[in-house]
């Protein structure tokens, strides 16, 4: 019987979501923002969000399913639906790698309607879409494919 800390799941999902092209960042919910601000010991304007900010994860013991919410800020120039689908797929993979349900002994092999080992439900919310985010060259270009041939 292994218990998985929801914070470690949130950090893994946050890392996975941020690796998706078109995701500019994650936006924490109001409660997390207020809590982070209340506990920040930084100079004004220098506080950064916690590693799992923008992601909420909880494990439902009764069903054996992880419920994950990801709040994304996207960059313009990509289809929001495609980006949200990619975030969802990577988030699900991160949960499957990170989280093992605490109690799987009650699930029989005769399956059917029983949740699979490590099932998760991921909801992706796009909170806003922002303009170009500075890339490696500092000019908003992330590579040769963007703006190629445009003067």
Foldseek 3Di string as FASTA:
>chain_A
DDDADQVVLLLLLQVLLVVQPFFPHAAADPVQVVVQVVPDPDDPPPRDHDSSGQKGWDADLVQREIEMEGETEGEPDDDPVVSQVSSQVSSLVSQQVRDWRPDPPVDDPVDDPHDDTRHYDYHYHYPYYHYQDQAPVRPSDPDCVPCPPPD
